[in-house]
């Protein structure tokens, strides 16, 4: 009898034996093949099968990653606001994005395979396209071109494209990529930005002028008082001239009527003709002085209220400070004690009206702070102005006897619209505008609290560069 062939061992190898059934009769015909050889074959088949399973799992993972990468790229293309066109070496569209489809009014399937040149509106755009895509002119570096495309409504839309070449791993050019942004959107945004900028400049000019008018409004009472004296003087002189004219008319009437010498002498004494003639020169001189004083006041106010023309000329700084003190005291602070002793003449190059606005604002703010009930100063509201000579510049220190500036507000006093005054009492622009004026004059404006001074209060320091005094007028100018 023939010896029975042992069965294959149970386990994973049994699946291979089921796939390839074992024929004992055929095995007996193979010479030199024993049981161990068949076991080795079965084990090798099992290893190959396990490797196939592992490769299948790895392939599925790679496919999943590829799908994720493809979805990621698709999401990027869909979310791009810029227009994207990828073409082959013949100019046919291979890839687009939602921005281009939205612009031209066609879907992605309709655009694939179509020549990119068919989307261009004119020959000039085609010429620009050829200049960056032809083999002779093509370069690996990016090129910027502006092309008009035809949108979904048949209108021309300028698009600013950035063109780059698509290369293989061997460096061979296989196409181009165009990324662009419609210029219509940029032009609209630029137009809106320009309009907003112009509106901001107009608003700034209006705010500056409003603050200047607010400063001028504080002078109304002082102006009325200042104009009252010369105008009253002129009116009084005019009334005196009317009386003198009536006396002279009567005397000259008697002369023309042929009156005798005794009668004329008596009329001359009665009408005080000699006194009238002697008083006329001083009367006329006083009237002219009063009229000139009125004209000077009006001219100064006009210069102060005029819009800034950025004119620069040598101005005497002490005169401007004294004028600022005078106007504030005449206008709103008649009881304000200002201690100021100007030194020798000091000249700075600047705009007298603008500097007057700065000093008036500092004097007015000092009075407003010192007059507060919380100031608790030992005496009446006061301001001390000191001049500190420095090489090439002058420093004016304004110190009041008010409560000072709160520490949390020291860094904000020059911010626009910041004010510690009650509503309706301040615009919050005075110090901000003053800071800008001093800075444009090449100087600086700083604020701090007085340390160890008696009385204490806020301190503002104005530093301005000095200049040479103006040259005296020549003989021709003096007449």
Protein backbone atom coordinates (compact mmCIF):
# COMPACT_ATOMS: atom_id res chain seq x y z
CA UNK A 1 0.00 0.00 0.00
CA UNK A 2 1.05 3.57 -0.64
CA UNK A 3 1.80 5.74 2.40
CA UNK A 4 -0.82 8.44 2.93
CA UNK A 5 0.23 12.08 2.31
CA UNK A 6 -0.10 14.12 5.49
CA UNK A 7 -2.60 16.92 5.44
CA UNK A 8 -1.47 20.59 5.49
CA UNK A 9 -1.29 22.12 8.98
CA UNK A 10 -4.24 24.30 10.00
CA UNK A 11 -3.92 28.08 10.05
CA UNK A 12 -3.44 30.83 7.44
CA UNK A 13 -1.73 28.41 5.07
CA UNK A 14 -4.95 26.48 4.75
CA UNK A 15 -6.43 29.40 2.76
CA UNK A 16 -3.68 29.04 0.18
CA UNK A 17 -4.28 25.30 0.02
CA UNK A 18 -7.93 26.02 -0.59
CA UNK A 19 -7.03 28.43 -3.38
CA UNK A 20 -4.68 25.84 -4.92
CA UNK A 21 -6.06 22.36 -4.04
CA UNK A 22 -3.45 19.76 -3.25
CA UNK A 23 -3.42 16.76 -5.61
CA UNK A 24 -1.63 13.88 -3.81
CA UNK A 25 -1.56 11.72 -6.90
CA UNK A 26 0.17 14.43 -8.94
CA UNK A 27 2.62 15.06 -6.12
CA UNK A 28 3.62 11.41 -6.13
CA UNK A 29 4.58 11.74 -9.82
CA UNK A 30 7.11 14.59 -9.01
CA UNK A 31 10.40 12.99 -8.25
CA UNK A 32 12.61 14.52 -5.61
CA UNK A 33 9.76 16.67 -4.09
CA UNK A 34 9.10 15.84 -0.51
CA UNK A 35 6.73 17.20 2.11
CA UNK A 36 9.10 19.93 3.36
CA UNK A 37 9.36 21.40 -0.12
CA UNK A 38 5.61 21.76 -0.39
CA UNK A 39 5.49 23.38 3.03
CA UNK A 40 8.05 25.95 1.90
CA UNK A 41 6.01 26.71 -1.20
CA UNK A 42 2.87 27.14 0.85
CA UNK A 43 4.69 29.52 3.27
CA UNK A 44 6.04 31.61 0.39
CA UNK A 45 2.57 31.87 -1.10
CA UNK A 46 1.26 33.00 2.31
CA UNK A 47 3.97 35.71 2.49
CA UNK A 48 3.13 36.94 -0.99
CA UNK A 49 -0.55 37.07 -0.10
CA UNK A 50 0.16 39.06 3.09
CA UNK A 51 2.33 41.48 1.11
CA UNK A 52 -0.48 41.95 -1.40
CA UNK A 53 -2.87 42.77 1.42
CA UNK A 54 -0.40 45.29 2.91
CA UNK A 55 0.17 46.91 -0.47
CA UNK A 56 -3.59 47.20 -0.97
CA UNK A 57 -3.99 48.94 2.41
CA UNK A 58 -1.11 51.31 1.61
CA UNK A 59 -2.61 52.05 -1.79
CA UNK A 60 -5.95 52.91 -0.21
CA UNK A 61 -4.19 55.26 2.25
CA UNK A 62 -2.33 56.95 -0.60
CA UNK A 63 -5.59 57.32 -2.53
CA UNK A 64 -7.21 58.88 0.53
CA UNK A 65 -4.32 61.31 0.96
CA UNK A 66 -4.45 62.15 -2.73
CA UNK A 67 -8.17 62.86 -2.51
CA UNK A 68 -7.58 65.11 0.52
CA UNK A 69 -4.82 66.99 -1.28
CA UNK A 70 -7.02 67.35 -4.34
CA UNK A 71 -9.89 68.65 -2.20
CA UNK A 72 -7.51 71.06 -0.47
CA UNK A 73 -6.25 72.43 -3.79
CA UNK A 74 -9.81 72.71 -5.06
CA UNK A 75 -10.86 74.63 -1.94
CA UNK A 76 -7.91 77.00 -2.41
CA UNK A 77 -8.81 77.62 -6.04
CA UNK A 78 -12.45 78.17 -5.12
CA UNK A 79 -11.66 80.62 -2.32
CA UNK A 80 -9.25 82.75 -4.38
CA UNK A 81 -10.59 86.19 -5.15
CA UNK A 82 -8.01 86.63 -7.90
CA UNK A 83 -8.53 85.19 -11.38
CA UNK A 84 -6.55 81.99 -12.12
CA UNK A 85 -5.88 80.54 -15.59
CA UNK A 86 -3.52 77.61 -16.26
CA UNK A 87 -2.80 76.91 -19.96
CA UNK A 88 -0.77 74.36 -21.88
CA UNK A 89 2.02 75.22 -24.30
CA UNK A 90 -0.58 75.91 -27.05
CA UNK A 91 -2.55 78.36 -24.91
CA UNK A 92 -5.51 76.05 -24.15
CA UNK A 93 -7.05 76.37 -20.72
CA UNK A 94 -6.33 73.39 -18.45
CA UNK A 95 -7.41 74.77 -15.08
CA UNK A 96 -9.45 77.74 -13.83
CA UNK A 97 -11.08 78.85 -10.62
CA UNK A 98 -14.43 80.21 -9.47
CA UNK A 99 -13.29 83.84 -9.81
CA UNK A 100 -12.70 83.46 -13.57
CA UNK A 101 -15.97 81.56 -14.05
CA UNK A 102 -17.82 84.31 -12.20
CA UNK A 103 -16.10 87.00 -14.26
CA UNK A 104 -16.76 85.55 -17.73
CA UNK A 105 -20.06 83.88 -16.88
CA UNK A 106 -19.05 80.35 -17.92
CA UNK A 107 -18.51 77.21 -15.89
CA UNK A 108 -15.27 75.30 -15.51
CA UNK A 109 -16.21 72.54 -17.94
CA UNK A 110 -17.00 75.05 -20.69
CA UNK A 111 -13.65 76.79 -20.24
CA UNK A 112 -11.43 73.69 -20.21
CA UNK A 113 -9.80 73.11 -23.56
CA UNK A 114 -10.70 76.56 -24.91
CA UNK A 115 -7.99 78.96 -25.98
CA UNK A 116 -7.28 81.67 -23.44
CA UNK A 117 -6.95 84.17 -26.30
CA UNK A 118 -10.71 83.88 -26.98
CA UNK A 119 -11.44 85.56 -23.63
CA UNK A 120 -9.35 88.64 -24.49
CA UNK A 121 -11.23 91.73 -25.67
CA UNK A 122 -8.82 93.37 -28.14
CA UNK A 123 -5.74 92.94 -30.28
CA UNK A 124 -3.60 94.89 -27.84
CA UNK A 125 -4.31 92.30 -25.16
CA UNK A 126 -3.46 89.49 -27.58
CA UNK A 127 -0.17 91.18 -28.40
CA UNK A 128 0.68 91.47 -24.72
CA UNK A 129 -0.24 87.81 -24.21
CA UNK A 130 2.04 86.73 -27.05
CA UNK A 131 4.88 88.83 -25.66
CA UNK A 132 5.05 86.64 -22.54
CA UNK A 133 4.04 83.25 -23.96
CA UNK A 134 5.95 82.92 -27.21
CA UNK A 135 8.99 80.60 -26.96
CA UNK A 136 11.41 83.35 -27.98
CA UNK A 137 10.11 85.85 -25.43
CA UNK A 138 9.16 83.39 -22.69
CA UNK A 139 11.24 83.48 -19.52
CA UNK A 140 11.15 81.53 -16.32
CA UNK A 141 10.72 84.71 -14.28
CA UNK A 142 7.27 86.19 -13.68
CA UNK A 143 5.99 88.91 -16.00
CA UNK A 144 3.24 91.45 -15.31
CA UNK A 145 0.79 92.38 -18.05
CA UNK A 146 -2.56 94.17 -18.16
CA UNK A 147 -5.20 92.55 -20.38
CA UNK A 148 -8.83 93.44 -21.00
CA UNK A 149 -11.16 90.43 -20.71
CA UNK A 150 -14.77 90.21 -21.83
CA UNK A 151 -17.05 89.71 -18.83
CA UNK A 152 -20.42 87.96 -18.65
CA UNK A 153 -22.20 91.14 -19.80
CA UNK A 154 -19.92 91.64 -22.80
CA UNK A 155 -18.11 94.54 -21.16
CA UNK A 156 -14.36 95.08 -21.11
CA UNK A 157 -12.77 94.44 -17.72
CA UNK A 158 -9.08 95.35 -17.25
CA UNK A 159 -7.21 92.62 -15.34
CA UNK A 160 -3.67 92.95 -14.03
CA UNK A 161 -2.10 89.51 -14.63
CA UNK A 162 1.09 88.00 -13.26
CA UNK A 163 2.33 85.34 -15.73
CA UNK A 164 4.73 82.53 -14.84
CA UNK A 165 5.90 79.51 -16.83
CA UNK A 166 4.96 75.93 -15.90
CA UNK A 167 8.02 73.69 -16.03
CA UNK A 168 8.61 69.98 -15.79
CA UNK A 169 11.19 68.41 -13.49
CA UNK A 170 13.60 68.55 -16.42
CA UNK A 171 13.05 72.31 -16.82
CA UNK A 172 10.99 72.08 -20.00
CA UNK A 173 8.18 74.61 -20.36
CA UNK A 174 4.77 72.94 -20.69
CA UNK A 175 2.46 75.92 -20.20
CA UNK A 176 1.76 79.10 -18.24
CA UNK A 177 -0.09 80.19 -15.14
CA UNK A 178 -1.91 83.55 -15.09
CA UNK A 179 -3.00 85.06 -11.77
CA UNK A 180 -4.68 88.46 -11.94
CA UNK A 181 -7.02 90.85 -10.21
CA UNK A 182 -9.70 92.87 -12.00
CA UNK A 183 -8.59 96.50 -12.01
CA UNK A 184 -12.16 97.78 -11.83
CA UNK A 185 -12.38 96.74 -8.19
CA UNK A 186 -9.04 98.36 -7.41
CA UNK A 187 -10.03 101.55 -9.20
CA UNK A 188 -13.29 101.73 -7.28
CA UNK A 189 -11.45 101.13 -4.01
CA UNK A 190 -8.85 103.78 -4.91
CA UNK A 191 -11.59 106.23 -5.85
CA UNK A 192 -13.36 105.64 -2.55
CA UNK A 193 -10.08 106.00 -0.68
CA UNK A 194 -9.33 109.27 -2.46
CA UNK A 195 -12.81 110.62 -1.69
CA UNK A 196 -12.42 109.64 1.97
CA UNK A 197 -9.00 111.32 2.07
CA UNK A 198 -10.36 114.52 0.56
CA UNK A 199 -13.29 114.50 2.99
CA UNK A 200 -10.84 114.00 5.87
CA UNK A 201 -8.72 116.94 4.71
CA UNK A 202 -11.81 119.15 4.42
CA UNK A 203 -12.93 118.10 7.88
CA UNK A 204 -9.49 118.80 9.29
CA UNK A 205 -9.45 122.27 7.75
CA UNK A 206 -12.92 122.93 9.12
CA UNK A 207 -11.87 121.80 12.60
CA UNK A 208 -8.77 123.99 12.50
CA UNK A 209 -10.78 126.97 11.37
CA UNK A 210 -13.49 126.25 13.94
CA UNK A 211 -10.94 126.18 16.74
CA UNK A 212 -9.45 129.43 15.47
CA UNK A 213 -12.92 131.00 15.39
CA UNK A 214 -13.57 129.69 18.90
CA UNK A 215 -10.40 131.43 20.06
CA UNK A 216 -11.49 134.56 18.25
CA UNK A 217 -14.90 134.38 19.91
CA UNK A 218 -13.26 134.63 23.33
CA UNK A 219 -11.91 138.02 22.28
CA UNK A 220 -15.23 139.68 21.51
CA UNK A 221 -15.54 141.39 24.87
CA UNK A 222 -11.93 142.54 24.77
CA UNK A 223 -12.27 143.76 21.21
CA UNK A 224 -15.33 145.82 22.10
CA UNK A 225 -13.48 147.41 25.01
CA UNK A 226 -10.34 147.91 22.93
CA UNK A 227 -12.20 149.60 20.10
CA UNK A 228 -14.28 151.74 22.45
CA UNK A 229 -11.41 154.07 23.40
CA UNK A 230 -10.17 155.11 19.94
CA UNK A 231 -13.69 155.26 18.51
CA UNK A 232 -14.89 157.43 21.43
CA UNK A 233 -11.86 159.66 20.92
CA UNK A 234 -12.58 160.03 17.22
CA UNK A 235 -16.26 160.76 17.85
CA UNK A 236 -15.39 163.39 20.44
CA UNK A 237 -12.99 165.08 18.04
CA UNK A 238 -15.56 165.03 15.24
CA UNK A 239 -18.13 166.75 17.46
CA UNK A 240 -15.53 169.39 18.34
CA UNK A 241 -14.77 169.86 14.64
CA UNK A 242 -18.48 170.42 13.98
CA UNK A 243 -18.54 173.20 16.58
CA UNK A 244 -15.36 174.74 15.19
CA UNK A 245 -16.78 174.57 11.66
CA UNK A 246 -19.91 176.46 12.78
CA UNK A 247 -17.78 179.19 14.40
CA UNK A 248 -15.64 179.58 11.30
CA UNK A 249 -18.75 179.66 9.08
CA UNK A 250 -20.19 182.59 11.06
CA UNK A 251 -16.92 184.51 11.05
CA UNK A 252 -16.31 183.99 7.34
CA UNK A 253 -19.91 184.99 6.62
CA UNK A 254 -19.29 188.34 8.35
CA UNK A 255 -16.07 188.78 6.39
CA UNK A 256 -17.81 188.12 3.09
CA UNK A 257 -20.65 190.50 4.07
CA UNK A 258 -18.16 193.39 4.32
CA UNK A 259 -18.39 193.96 8.09
CA UNK A 260 -16.07 196.57 9.57
CA UNK A 261 -12.94 195.88 11.48
CA UNK A 262 -14.45 196.61 14.96
CA UNK A 263 -17.36 194.24 14.23
CA UNK A 264 -15.03 191.51 12.95
CA UNK A 265 -12.78 191.87 15.99
CA UNK A 266 -15.73 191.50 18.33
CA UNK A 267 -17.02 188.46 16.40
CA UNK A 268 -13.53 186.99 16.42
CA UNK A 269 -13.41 187.22 20.23
CA UNK A 270 -16.98 185.94 20.60
CA UNK A 271 -16.43 182.84 18.40
CA UNK A 272 -12.95 182.19 19.84
CA UNK A 273 -11.50 181.99 16.37
CA UNK A 274 -7.87 182.22 17.56
CA UNK A 275 -8.40 179.32 20.00
CA UNK A 276 -10.10 177.28 17.29
CA UNK A 277 -7.29 177.76 14.82
CA UNK A 278 -4.71 176.87 17.47
CA UNK A 279 -6.61 173.70 18.49
CA UNK A 280 -7.24 172.40 14.95
CA UNK A 281 -3.78 170.75 14.37
CA UNK A 282 -3.86 168.71 17.61
CA UNK A 283 -7.53 167.86 17.03
CA UNK A 284 -6.82 166.53 13.55
CA UNK A 285 -3.73 164.66 14.77
CA UNK A 286 -5.69 163.01 17.57
CA UNK A 287 -8.45 162.00 15.17
CA UNK A 288 -5.92 160.43 12.80
CA UNK A 289 -4.28 158.56 15.67
CA UNK A 290 -7.61 157.18 16.86
CA UNK A 291 -8.57 156.11 13.34
CA UNK A 292 -5.16 154.46 12.82
CA UNK A 293 -5.47 152.65 16.15
CA UNK A 294 -8.89 151.32 15.11
CA UNK A 295 -7.51 150.23 11.74
CA UNK A 296 -4.61 148.43 13.45
CA UNK A 297 -6.97 146.52 15.75
CA UNK A 298 -9.18 145.48 12.86
CA UNK A 299 -6.16 144.45 10.76
CA UNK A 300 -4.79 142.36 13.61
CA UNK A 301 -8.11 140.57 14.03
CA UNK A 302 -8.30 139.92 10.30
CA UNK A 303 -4.82 138.40 10.32
CA UNK A 304 -5.74 136.22 13.28
CA UNK A 305 -8.99 134.94 11.77
CA UNK A 306 -7.64 134.41 8.25
CA UNK A 307 -7.04 130.88 7.02
CA UNK A 308 -3.47 129.65 7.47
CA UNK A 309 -1.29 130.42 4.44
CA UNK A 310 1.89 129.03 6.03
CA UNK A 311 3.74 132.34 5.59
CA UNK A 312 6.99 132.58 7.50
CA UNK A 313 8.88 135.75 8.43
CA UNK A 314 10.97 136.98 11.38
CA UNK A 315 8.67 137.93 14.27
CA UNK A 316 9.50 139.31 17.71
CA UNK A 317 8.35 136.68 20.20
CA UNK A 318 7.91 139.00 23.19
CA UNK A 319 5.48 141.19 21.25
CA UNK A 320 3.33 138.18 20.43
CA UNK A 321 3.29 136.96 24.05
CA UNK A 322 2.33 140.41 25.34
CA UNK A 323 -0.43 140.67 22.73
CA UNK A 324 -1.78 137.24 23.77
CA UNK A 325 -1.82 138.29 27.44
CA UNK A 326 -3.54 141.56 26.52
CA UNK A 327 -6.31 139.93 24.48
CA UNK A 328 -7.09 137.20 27.02
CA UNK A 329 -7.24 139.67 29.92
CA UNK A 330 -9.39 142.08 27.93
CA UNK A 331 -11.68 139.32 26.73
CA UNK A 332 -12.41 136.81 29.47
CA UNK A 333 -9.97 137.26 32.35
CA UNK A 334 -9.70 140.90 33.52
CA UNK A 335 -8.71 139.79 37.05
CA UNK A 336 -6.03 137.35 35.85
CA UNK A 337 -2.61 138.21 37.23
CA UNK A 338 0.09 137.48 34.65
CA UNK A 339 3.70 137.89 35.73
CA UNK A 340 5.87 138.41 32.67
CA UNK A 341 9.06 140.40 32.21
CA UNK A 342 10.28 140.14 28.64
CA UNK A 343 14.01 140.17 28.09
CA UNK A 344 15.92 141.61 25.16
CA UNK A 345 14.32 141.38 21.73
CA UNK A 346 14.17 137.79 20.51
CA UNK A 347 13.28 136.86 16.94
CA UNK A 348 11.90 133.60 15.56
CA UNK A 349 10.90 132.73 12.00
CA UNK A 350 7.25 131.87 11.81
CA UNK A 351 3.67 132.95 11.33
CA UNK A 352 2.66 135.65 13.82
CA UNK A 353 -1.03 134.72 13.70
CA UNK A 354 -0.37 131.06 14.40
CA UNK A 355 2.03 131.76 17.26
CA UNK A 356 -0.47 134.22 18.72
CA UNK A 357 -3.05 131.43 18.69
CA UNK A 358 -0.66 129.13 20.57
CA UNK A 359 0.15 131.64 23.31
CA UNK A 360 -3.45 132.76 23.68
CA UNK A 361 -4.49 129.15 24.13
CA UNK A 362 -1.85 128.58 26.82
CA UNK A 363 -2.80 131.77 28.69
CA UNK A 364 -6.52 131.01 28.44
CA UNK A 365 -6.04 127.41 29.65
CA UNK A 366 -3.93 128.65 32.56
CA UNK A 367 -6.72 131.01 33.63
CA UNK A 368 -9.40 128.31 33.24
CA UNK A 369 -7.36 125.95 35.45
CA UNK A 370 -6.38 128.53 38.08
CA UNK A 371 -9.96 129.83 38.35
CA UNK A 372 -11.39 126.39 39.17
CA UNK A 373 -12.91 126.08 42.67
CA UNK A 374 -10.69 123.03 43.24
CA UNK A 375 -7.53 125.03 42.59
CA UNK A 376 -7.35 126.21 46.23
CA UNK A 377 -4.53 128.63 45.41
CA UNK A 378 -3.48 131.06 48.16
CA UNK A 379 -4.09 134.08 45.97
CA UNK A 380 -6.05 135.08 42.87
CA UNK A 381 -5.61 133.15 39.61
CA UNK A 382 -2.10 133.76 38.35
CA UNK A 383 0.33 132.85 35.61
CA UNK A 384 4.12 133.08 35.64
CA UNK A 385 5.92 133.26 32.29
CA UNK A 386 9.67 132.81 32.34
CA UNK A 387 12.15 132.96 29.50
CA UNK A 388 15.12 130.60 29.43
CA UNK A 389 17.85 131.43 26.95
CA UNK A 390 19.35 128.45 25.15
CA UNK A 391 21.86 128.26 22.29
CA UNK A 392 19.98 128.83 19.04
CA UNK A 393 16.55 128.70 20.62
CA UNK A 394 14.24 130.31 23.14
CA UNK A 395 12.25 128.47 25.80
CA UNK A 396 9.13 130.05 27.30
CA UNK A 397 7.79 128.38 30.47
CA UNK A 398 4.12 128.95 31.38
CA UNK A 399 3.32 127.99 35.01
CA UNK A 400 -0.07 128.58 36.61
CA UNK A 401 -1.25 128.20 40.21
CA UNK A 402 -4.05 125.77 39.36
CA UNK A 403 -4.48 122.18 40.57
CA UNK A 404 -2.11 120.80 37.92
CA UNK A 405 -2.68 117.92 35.50
CA UNK A 406 -3.72 114.48 36.69
CA UNK A 407 -0.98 111.91 36.16
CA UNK A 408 -3.22 109.71 34.01
CA UNK A 409 -3.91 112.68 31.71
CA UNK A 410 -0.34 113.90 31.19
CA UNK A 411 0.19 111.62 28.18
CA UNK A 412 -3.13 112.63 26.61
CA UNK A 413 -3.27 116.42 26.93
CA UNK A 414 -2.20 116.89 23.29
CA UNK A 415 -4.57 114.25 21.87
CA UNK A 416 -7.29 115.62 19.58
CA UNK A 417 -10.70 116.04 21.27
CA UNK A 418 -9.31 115.26 24.73
CA UNK A 419 -10.47 117.77 27.33
CA UNK A 420 -11.05 117.83 31.07
CA UNK A 421 -13.42 120.79 30.82
CA UNK A 422 -17.16 120.48 31.19
CA UNK A 423 -19.31 119.76 28.16
CA UNK A 424 -19.66 122.91 26.06
CA UNK A 425 -16.64 124.57 27.69
CA UNK A 426 -13.94 123.21 25.40
CA UNK A 427 -13.49 121.48 22.07
CA UNK A 428 -10.43 119.44 23.01
CA UNK A 429 -8.58 120.81 19.97
CA UNK A 430 -6.73 123.83 21.40
CA UNK A 431 -3.64 122.04 22.73
CA UNK A 432 -3.60 119.56 19.84
CA UNK A 433 -3.58 122.37 17.27
CA UNK A 434 -1.02 124.33 19.31
CA UNK A 435 1.24 121.27 19.42
CA UNK A 436 1.04 120.93 15.64
CA UNK A 437 1.74 124.64 15.07
CA UNK A 438 4.83 124.63 17.30
CA UNK A 439 6.07 121.43 15.66
CA UNK A 440 5.68 122.94 12.17
CA UNK A 441 7.74 125.89 13.38
CA UNK A 442 10.59 123.52 14.21
CA UNK A 443 10.00 123.65 17.96
CA UNK A 444 8.42 121.57 20.70
CA UNK A 445 5.57 121.88 23.20
CA UNK A 446 5.65 119.81 26.41
CA UNK A 447 3.49 119.59 29.53
CA UNK A 448 4.29 118.60 33.11
CA UNK A 449 3.41 119.45 36.69
CA UNK A 450 5.46 121.89 38.73
CA UNK A 451 7.73 120.09 41.20
CA UNK A 452 8.52 121.80 44.48
CA UNK A 453 7.21 125.16 43.27
CA UNK A 454 5.03 127.44 45.36
CA UNK A 455 2.36 127.81 44.22
CA UNK A 456 2.23 124.55 42.29
CA UNK A 457 0.33 123.97 39.07
CA UNK A 458 0.68 122.90 35.45
CA UNK A 459 3.74 123.82 33.41
CA UNK A 460 3.88 124.14 29.62
CA UNK A 461 7.20 124.67 27.88
CA UNK A 462 7.39 126.15 24.38
CA UNK A 463 10.76 125.84 22.64
CA UNK A 464 11.29 127.66 19.31
CA UNK A 465 14.41 128.11 17.18
CA UNK A 466 15.64 131.70 17.00
CA UNK A 467 16.71 133.62 13.92
CA UNK A 468 18.44 136.86 13.03
CA UNK A 469 16.35 140.05 13.23
CA UNK A 470 15.08 141.46 9.93
CA UNK A 471 17.34 143.89 8.15
CA UNK A 472 16.40 147.55 8.62
CA UNK A 473 14.79 149.22 5.62
CA UNK A 474 17.13 150.94 3.23
CA UNK A 475 17.04 154.62 2.22
CA UNK A 476 14.66 153.92 -0.66
CA UNK A 477 12.25 152.14 1.66
CA UNK A 478 12.32 155.05 4.16
CA UNK A 479 11.39 157.40 1.33
